[in-house]
Amino acid sequence: DGVARSVWLREGPPGQAWDHMALALYRTGAGDVGLTSSNGDSGDRPWQHLPDDSSSDWVAENRLIVPFPQTRVRHFPLVDVVAGLVPPEEFRNRHVLVGSTAPGVGNAFATPVGDRDALMPEVDVVAAALQSLLEQRYVQPASSRTNALVNALPAVGAGLALAFLSTGAALAGLAALAVATL
């Protein structure tokens, strides 16, 4: 659907994968997050791991589904920072990312938060991934069994309502089921 929901924490040519900017920044202050190499086991970490395919020209490892915050990070115009108009306290004990946020300048992505037509600047996507690592707040995909169960229950409920209830009661039951599913 074209919506950015995740980042790869390590990407690059085989044998030369680089850390994602968020991971590199995280490691400057907090240390290791327990990533695995292409031959290792990720244990209980929430990273999705793809096996190394040495025939590929590109390797992507340790997918992080980003829990995008509902509020945007603070932005300061670079010209104001250079001119001394932003107090130094705004930056003390914080990670500072410099990037383009103006529409039409730099990369921007559709994300699950905010207006569907508004794109999030790439620097904000990196900030959201970094915040996820710093807070150790991760999104785990549902297991195949849970996904199948959640998708099958409304269909089974609808079938049972149509089979065993009167037309009016079945219609009311289907409406209630539709509201409950949302």
Protein backbone atom coordinates (compact mmCIF):
# COMPACT_ATOMS: atom_id res chain seq x y z
CA ASP A 1 0.00 0.00 0.00
CA GLY A 2 3.04 2.27 -0.16
CA VAL A 3 3.12 3.09 3.55
CA ALA A 4 6.49 2.98 5.34
CA ARG A 5 6.13 0.90 8.48
CA SER A 6 9.61 -0.46 9.08
CA VAL A 7 13.33 0.01 8.56
CA TRP A 8 16.15 -2.47 8.14
CA LEU A 9 18.67 -1.94 10.93
CA ARG A 10 21.50 -3.35 8.79
CA GLU A 11 21.75 -3.10 5.00
CA GLY A 12 24.35 -3.16 2.31
CA PRO A 13 26.41 -5.35 0.03
CA PRO A 14 27.05 -8.90 1.31
CA GLY A 15 29.76 -8.83 3.96
CA GLN A 16 29.69 -5.02 4.16
CA ALA A 17 26.28 -4.21 5.64
CA TRP A 18 26.03 -0.85 7.40
CA ASP A 19 24.01 0.11 10.44
CA HIS A 20 20.89 2.19 9.85
CA MET A 21 21.40 5.78 11.01
CA ALA A 22 19.04 5.22 13.99
CA LEU A 23 21.01 2.16 15.11
CA ALA A 24 24.35 3.93 14.71
CA LEU A 25 23.09 6.84 16.83
CA TYR A 26 21.69 4.47 19.43
CA ARG A 27 25.02 2.68 19.72
CA THR A 28 26.82 5.97 20.37
CA GLY A 29 25.08 6.35 23.70
CA ALA A 30 23.37 3.16 24.76
CA GLY A 31 25.48 0.33 23.40
CA ASP A 32 24.43 -2.88 21.71
CA VAL A 33 20.83 -3.89 21.05
CA GLY A 34 21.53 -7.60 20.57
CA LEU A 35 21.35 -7.80 16.79
CA THR A 36 22.42 -10.95 15.06
CA SER A 37 24.56 -11.47 12.04
CA SER A 38 23.22 -13.31 9.04
CA ASN A 39 24.36 -16.61 10.59
CA GLY A 40 23.07 -16.03 14.12
CA ASP A 41 19.87 -16.46 16.07
CA SER A 42 17.97 -13.35 17.13
CA GLY A 43 16.64 -14.98 20.31
CA ASP A 44 13.76 -13.05 21.86
CA ARG A 45 14.53 -9.77 20.11
CA PRO A 46 11.72 -8.36 17.94
CA TRP A 47 13.87 -8.20 14.82
CA GLN A 48 12.69 -10.06 11.77
CA HIS A 49 15.69 -11.75 10.24
CA LEU A 50 16.17 -12.74 6.61
CA PRO A 51 18.84 -15.32 5.87
CA ASP A 52 21.92 -14.17 3.99
CA ASP A 53 21.63 -14.87 0.28
CA SER A 54 25.19 -14.67 -0.98
CA SER A 55 23.94 -14.56 -4.57
CA SER A 56 22.19 -11.25 -3.85
CA ASP A 57 23.82 -7.88 -4.48
CA TRP A 58 22.18 -6.46 -1.36
CA VAL A 59 21.60 -7.78 2.17
CA ALA A 60 18.88 -6.50 4.52
CA GLU A 61 18.91 -7.73 8.11
CA ASN A 62 17.02 -7.07 11.32
CA ARG A 63 13.77 -5.44 10.26
CA LEU A 64 12.37 -3.08 12.90
CA ILE A 65 8.65 -2.28 12.67
CA VAL A 66 8.61 1.33 13.81
CA PRO A 67 6.00 2.37 16.40
CA PHE A 68 5.55 5.87 14.97
CA PRO A 69 4.62 8.42 17.64
CA GLN A 70 1.41 10.38 17.22
CA THR A 71 3.28 13.65 17.82
CA ARG A 72 6.12 14.89 15.67
CA VAL A 73 9.60 15.59 16.92
CA ARG A 74 10.60 19.21 17.49
CA HIS A 75 12.08 21.01 14.51
CA PHE A 76 14.32 24.06 14.53
CA PRO A 77 15.39 25.92 11.38
CA LEU A 78 19.13 25.48 10.94
CA VAL A 79 19.53 29.21 10.31
CA ASP A 80 18.02 29.92 13.75
CA VAL A 81 20.37 27.44 15.42
CA VAL A 82 23.43 28.92 13.71
CA ALA A 83 22.28 32.45 14.58
CA GLY A 84 22.01 31.48 18.26
CA LEU A 85 18.24 31.99 18.42
CA VAL A 86 17.64 28.51 19.85
CA PRO A 87 18.77 28.05 23.47
CA PRO A 88 21.48 25.39 23.96
CA GLU A 89 19.24 23.70 26.57
CA GLU A 90 17.06 22.48 23.70
CA PHE A 91 19.90 20.20 22.61
CA ARG A 92 21.45 19.17 25.93
CA ASN A 93 21.38 15.38 26.54
CA ARG A 94 19.50 14.78 23.30
CA HIS A 95 20.23 13.19 19.97
CA VAL A 96 20.16 15.90 17.31
CA LEU A 97 19.31 14.99 13.75
CA VAL A 98 19.86 17.41 10.91
CA GLY A 99 17.76 16.94 7.82
CA SER A 100 15.38 18.51 5.38
CA THR A 101 11.75 18.88 6.43
CA ALA A 102 10.52 21.28 3.75
CA PRO A 103 7.96 19.80 1.34
CA GLY A 104 9.56 18.81 -1.93
CA VAL A 105 13.10 18.85 -0.54
CA GLY A 106 14.67 15.53 0.45
CA ASN A 107 12.97 12.17 0.91
CA ALA A 108 9.54 11.89 2.46
CA PHE A 109 7.34 8.86 3.13
CA ALA A 110 3.71 8.00 3.79
CA THR A 111 3.49 6.56 7.31
CA PRO A 112 0.67 5.07 9.42
CA VAL A 113 0.32 8.29 11.45
CA GLY A 114 -1.00 11.68 10.53
CA ASP A 115 -2.86 12.80 7.45
CA ARG A 116 -2.95 10.23 4.65
CA ASP A 117 -1.90 12.88 2.14
CA ALA A 118 0.92 14.31 4.30
CA LEU A 119 4.34 12.74 3.92
CA MET A 120 6.78 12.37 6.81
CA PRO A 121 10.30 13.69 6.17
CA GLU A 122 13.00 11.01 6.22
CA VAL A 123 14.69 12.65 9.22
CA ASP A 124 11.46 12.14 11.21
CA VAL A 125 11.35 8.45 10.21
CA VAL A 126 14.93 8.08 11.49
CA ALA A 127 13.94 9.91 14.70
CA ALA A 128 10.98 7.55 15.24
CA ALA A 129 13.22 4.49 14.74
CA LEU A 130 15.81 5.93 17.14
CA GLN A 131 13.11 6.68 19.73
CA SER A 132 11.89 3.09 19.44
CA LEU A 133 15.40 1.78 20.12
CA LEU A 134 16.04 4.21 22.99
CA GLU A 135 12.74 3.38 24.71
CA GLN A 136 12.99 -0.32 23.78
CA ARG A 137 9.45 -0.04 22.44
CA TYR A 138 8.90 -2.50 19.62
CA VAL A 139 6.03 -3.74 17.49
CA GLN A 140 5.78 -7.52 17.19
CA PRO A 141 3.87 -8.92 14.21
CA ALA A 142 1.05 -11.28 15.13
CA SER A 143 1.81 -14.96 14.74
CA SER A 144 0.29 -16.79 11.77
CA ARG A 145 -2.07 -18.64 14.12
CA THR A 146 -3.30 -15.43 15.80
CA ASN A 147 -3.69 -13.71 12.44
CA ALA A 148 -5.75 -16.61 11.04
CA LEU A 149 -7.93 -16.73 14.17
CA VAL A 150 -8.63 -12.98 14.20
CA ASN A 151 -9.55 -13.06 10.51
CA ALA A 152 -11.64 -16.26 10.67
CA LEU A 153 -13.76 -15.42 13.73
CA PRO A 154 -15.84 -12.64 12.09
CA ALA A 155 -16.47 -14.82 9.01
CA VAL A 156 -17.56 -17.77 11.14
CA GLY A 157 -19.72 -15.46 13.28
CA ALA A 158 -21.40 -14.03 10.20
CA GLY A 159 -22.06 -17.49 8.79
CA LEU A 160 -23.58 -18.69 12.07
CA ALA A 161 -25.76 -15.57 12.33
CA LEU A 162 -27.11 -16.07 8.81
CA ALA A 163 -27.67 -19.79 9.32
CA PHE A 164 -29.42 -19.80 12.68
CA LEU A 165 -31.05 -16.38 13.20
CA SER A 166 -34.11 -14.75 11.65
CA THR A 167 -33.47 -12.16 8.96
CA GLY A 168 -33.86 -9.17 11.29
CA ALA A 169 -31.78 -10.73 14.07
CA ALA A 170 -29.11 -11.83 11.58
CA LEU A 171 -28.93 -8.29 10.15
CA ALA A 172 -28.60 -6.84 13.66
CA GLY A 173 -25.97 -9.46 14.51
CA LEU A 174 -23.99 -8.68 11.33
CA ALA A 175 -24.11 -4.94 12.11
CA ALA A 176 -22.88 -5.60 15.66
CA LEU A 177 -20.17 -7.89 14.32
CA ALA A 178 -19.05 -5.21 11.83
CA VAL A 179 -18.81 -2.61 14.61
CA ALA A 180 -16.94 -5.05 16.88
CA THR A 181 -14.51 -5.93 14.10
CA LEU A 182 -13.57 -2.29 13.58
